[in-house]
Amino acid sequence: MARKFKTMDGNNAAAYVSYAFTEVAGIYPITPSSPMADYVDQWSAQGLKNIFGTTVKVSEMQSEAGAAGTKIIKLI
């Protein structure tokens, strides 16, 4: 299999990897991490599949606590 190389900044790289390994994303856009939430939201809207072959479900939270709680609920 041929390798694919992509050039991206840290926000894009973090969003790319997290999108690939999750089924649900609780996002709360705040300034320095806003690009990550925006990338995930765009990819989901475009129907991009993760490594499990499904589109990530995105839920925009009203606070940072809600976004953090989403991750905890997902792990349980």
N, C-alpha and C. Protein backbone atom coordinates (compact mmCIF):
# COMPACT_ATOMS: atom_id res chain seq x y z
N MET A 1 0.85 -1.18 0.00
CA MET A 1 0.00 0.00 0.00
C MET A 1 0.90 1.24 0.00
N ALA A 2 0.59 2.18 -0.82
CA ALA A 2 1.37 3.42 -0.90
C ALA A 2 1.03 4.32 0.27
N ARG A 3 2.04 4.98 0.79
CA ARG A 3 1.82 5.92 1.89
C ARG A 3 1.27 7.23 1.35
N LYS A 4 0.43 7.85 2.16
CA LYS A 4 -0.09 9.16 1.83
C LYS A 4 0.53 10.16 2.79
N PHE A 5 1.04 11.23 2.28
CA PHE A 5 1.61 12.28 3.11
C PHE A 5 0.72 13.50 3.05
N LYS A 6 0.48 14.11 4.19
CA LYS A 6 -0.32 15.33 4.28
C LYS A 6 0.45 16.36 5.07
N THR A 7 0.37 17.59 4.63
CA THR A 7 0.97 18.68 5.37
C THR A 7 -0.15 19.41 6.11
N MET A 8 0.02 19.57 7.43
CA MET A 8 -1.02 20.22 8.22
C MET A 8 -0.43 20.77 9.50
N ASP A 9 -1.17 21.67 10.13
CA ASP A 9 -0.72 22.22 11.41
C ASP A 9 -1.18 21.30 12.55
N GLY A 10 -0.82 21.64 13.76
CA GLY A 10 -1.15 20.81 14.91
C GLY A 10 -2.64 20.66 15.16
N ASN A 11 -3.41 21.73 14.97
CA ASN A 11 -4.86 21.66 15.16
C ASN A 11 -5.49 20.69 14.17
N ASN A 12 -5.07 20.78 12.92
CA ASN A 12 -5.61 19.89 11.89
C ASN A 12 -5.21 18.45 12.16
N ALA A 13 -3.96 18.22 12.57
CA ALA A 13 -3.49 16.86 12.86
C ALA A 13 -4.26 16.24 14.02
N ALA A 14 -4.47 17.01 15.09
CA ALA A 14 -5.21 16.49 16.24
C ALA A 14 -6.66 16.18 15.87
N ALA A 15 -7.28 17.05 15.09
CA ALA A 15 -8.66 16.81 14.66
C ALA A 15 -8.74 15.59 13.75
N TYR A 16 -7.78 15.44 12.86
CA TYR A 16 -7.74 14.34 11.90
C TYR A 16 -7.68 12.99 12.63
N VAL A 17 -6.78 12.88 13.59
CA VAL A 17 -6.61 11.62 14.33
C VAL A 17 -7.81 11.36 15.22
N SER A 18 -8.30 12.38 15.93
CA SER A 18 -9.45 12.16 16.82
C SER A 18 -10.69 11.80 16.03
N TYR A 19 -10.87 12.39 14.85
CA TYR A 19 -12.03 12.07 14.02
C TYR A 19 -11.97 10.60 13.58
N ALA A 20 -10.78 10.15 13.25
CA ALA A 20 -10.62 8.77 12.78
C ALA A 20 -10.99 7.73 13.83
N PHE A 21 -10.81 8.06 15.12
CA PHE A 21 -10.98 7.06 16.18
C PHE A 21 -12.20 7.27 17.06
N THR A 22 -13.13 8.12 16.67
CA THR A 22 -14.30 8.36 17.52
C THR A 22 -15.60 8.15 16.76
N GLU A 23 -16.66 7.94 17.50
CA GLU A 23 -17.98 7.81 16.90
C GLU A 23 -18.85 9.01 17.22
N VAL A 24 -18.58 9.67 18.36
CA VAL A 24 -19.35 10.84 18.79
C VAL A 24 -18.37 11.93 19.22
N ALA A 25 -18.60 13.15 18.77
CA ALA A 25 -17.74 14.28 19.15
C ALA A 25 -18.59 15.36 19.79
N GLY A 26 -18.30 15.66 21.04
CA GLY A 26 -18.94 16.78 21.72
C GLY A 26 -18.02 17.97 21.59
N ILE A 27 -18.43 18.97 20.86
CA ILE A 27 -17.55 20.11 20.60
C ILE A 27 -18.05 21.36 21.30
N TYR A 28 -17.11 22.19 21.70
CA TYR A 28 -17.40 23.50 22.25
C TYR A 28 -16.32 24.43 21.71
N PRO A 29 -16.65 25.17 20.65
CA PRO A 29 -15.62 25.99 20.00
C PRO A 29 -15.13 27.14 20.88
N ILE A 30 -13.86 27.04 21.24
CA ILE A 30 -13.22 28.12 22.00
C ILE A 30 -11.92 28.49 21.28
N THR A 31 -11.44 29.62 21.52
CA THR A 31 -10.20 30.07 20.82
C THR A 31 -9.02 29.29 21.21
N PRO A 32 -8.11 28.79 21.26
CA PRO A 32 -7.12 28.17 20.37
C PRO A 32 -7.53 26.84 19.75
N SER A 33 -8.55 26.19 20.31
CA SER A 33 -8.91 24.89 19.75
C SER A 33 -10.10 24.97 18.79
N SER A 34 -10.60 26.16 18.51
CA SER A 34 -11.74 26.29 17.60
C SER A 34 -11.53 25.64 16.24
N PRO A 35 -10.33 25.72 15.64
CA PRO A 35 -10.16 25.06 14.35
C PRO A 35 -10.41 23.55 14.42
N MET A 36 -10.07 22.91 15.53
CA MET A 36 -10.28 21.47 15.64
C MET A 36 -11.77 21.14 15.60
N ALA A 37 -12.56 21.86 16.36
CA ALA A 37 -14.01 21.63 16.37
C ALA A 37 -14.61 21.93 15.00
N ASP A 38 -14.11 22.97 14.36
CA ASP A 38 -14.62 23.34 13.04
C ASP A 38 -14.30 22.26 12.01
N TYR A 39 -13.07 21.72 12.04
CA TYR A 39 -12.71 20.65 11.11
C TYR A 39 -13.62 19.44 11.30
N VAL A 40 -13.82 19.01 12.54
CA VAL A 40 -14.65 17.84 12.83
C VAL A 40 -16.08 18.08 12.36
N ASP A 41 -16.60 19.25 12.61
CA ASP A 41 -17.96 19.59 12.18
C ASP A 41 -18.08 19.56 10.65
N GLN A 42 -17.09 20.11 9.96
CA GLN A 42 -17.11 20.11 8.49
C GLN A 42 -17.03 18.70 7.92
N TRP A 43 -16.12 17.90 8.45
CA TRP A 43 -15.96 16.53 7.95
C TRP A 43 -17.22 15.71 8.17
N SER A 44 -17.85 15.88 9.31
CA SER A 44 -19.08 15.15 9.60
C SER A 44 -20.19 15.58 8.64
N ALA A 45 -20.30 16.88 8.41
CA ALA A 45 -21.33 17.41 7.49
C ALA A 45 -21.10 16.91 6.06
N GLN A 46 -19.84 16.70 5.68
CA GLN A 46 -19.52 16.19 4.35
C GLN A 46 -19.69 14.68 4.23
N GLY A 47 -19.96 14.02 5.36
CA GLY A 47 -20.16 12.57 5.36
C GLY A 47 -18.87 11.76 5.37
N LEU A 48 -17.76 12.38 5.77
CA LEU A 48 -16.48 11.67 5.84
C LEU A 48 -16.57 10.53 6.85
N LYS A 49 -16.12 9.36 6.47
CA LYS A 49 -16.18 8.18 7.34
C LYS A 49 -14.92 8.09 8.21
N ASN A 50 -15.08 7.57 9.42
CA ASN A 50 -13.93 7.32 10.29
C ASN A 50 -13.38 5.92 9.97
N ILE A 51 -12.43 5.43 10.76
CA ILE A 51 -11.84 4.13 10.46
C ILE A 51 -12.81 2.97 10.66
N PHE A 52 -13.93 3.22 11.34
CA PHE A 52 -14.95 2.19 11.57
C PHE A 52 -16.00 2.18 10.47
N GLY A 53 -15.86 3.11 9.50
CA GLY A 53 -16.79 3.16 8.38
C GLY A 53 -18.07 3.92 8.65
N THR A 54 -18.10 4.70 9.72
CA THR A 54 -19.30 5.49 10.04
C THR A 54 -18.96 6.97 10.07
N THR A 55 -19.98 7.79 9.92
CA THR A 55 -19.82 9.23 10.04
C THR A 55 -19.88 9.60 11.52
N VAL A 56 -19.01 10.47 11.95
CA VAL A 56 -18.98 10.89 13.35
C VAL A 56 -20.19 11.77 13.64
N LYS A 57 -20.87 11.48 14.74
CA LYS A 57 -22.00 12.31 15.18
C LYS A 57 -21.46 13.47 16.00
N VAL A 58 -21.80 14.69 15.61
CA VAL A 58 -21.28 15.88 16.27
C VAL A 58 -22.39 16.55 17.06
N SER A 59 -22.10 16.89 18.31
CA SER A 59 -23.04 17.61 19.16
C SER A 59 -22.32 18.82 19.73
N GLU A 60 -22.82 20.01 19.42
CA GLU A 60 -22.19 21.23 19.94
C GLU A 60 -22.73 21.51 21.33
N MET A 61 -21.83 21.56 22.30
CA MET A 61 -22.19 21.77 23.69
C MET A 61 -22.28 23.26 24.03
N GLN A 62 -22.90 23.56 25.16
CA GLN A 62 -23.06 24.95 25.59
C GLN A 62 -21.96 25.39 26.54
N SER A 63 -21.09 24.47 26.94
CA SER A 63 -20.00 24.84 27.85
C SER A 63 -18.86 23.83 27.70
N GLU A 64 -17.70 24.19 28.23
CA GLU A 64 -16.56 23.27 28.22
C GLU A 64 -16.87 22.03 29.05
N ALA A 65 -17.62 22.20 30.13
CA ALA A 65 -17.97 21.06 30.98
C ALA A 65 -18.82 20.05 30.21
N GLY A 66 -19.72 20.52 29.37
CA GLY A 66 -20.53 19.62 28.56
C GLY A 66 -19.69 18.82 27.59
N ALA A 67 -18.71 19.48 26.97
CA ALA A 67 -17.82 18.79 26.03
C ALA A 67 -16.97 17.77 26.77
N ALA A 68 -16.48 18.11 27.94
CA ALA A 68 -15.68 17.17 28.74
C ALA A 68 -16.54 16.01 29.19
N GLY A 69 -17.77 16.27 29.58
CA GLY A 69 -18.69 15.23 30.02
C GLY A 69 -19.03 14.25 28.91
N THR A 70 -19.05 14.72 27.69
CA THR A 70 -19.32 13.84 26.54
C THR A 70 -18.26 12.77 26.44
N LYS A 71 -17.02 13.15 26.64
CA LYS A 71 -15.91 12.18 26.56
C LYS A 71 -16.00 11.17 27.69
N ILE A 72 -16.37 11.61 28.89
CA ILE A 72 -16.47 10.71 30.02
C ILE A 72 -17.62 9.71 29.80
N ILE A 73 -18.74 10.19 29.32
CA ILE A 73 -19.88 9.31 29.05
C ILE A 73 -19.52 8.30 27.99
N LYS A 74 -18.78 8.73 26.98
CA LYS A 74 -18.39 7.83 25.90
C LYS A 74 -17.51 6.70 26.42
N LEU A 75 -16.66 6.97 27.42
CA LEU A 75 -15.76 5.95 27.93
C LEU A 75 -16.46 4.93 28.82
N ILE A 76 -17.58 5.29 29.41
CA ILE A 76 -18.27 4.39 30.33
C ILE A 76 -19.02 3.30 29.61
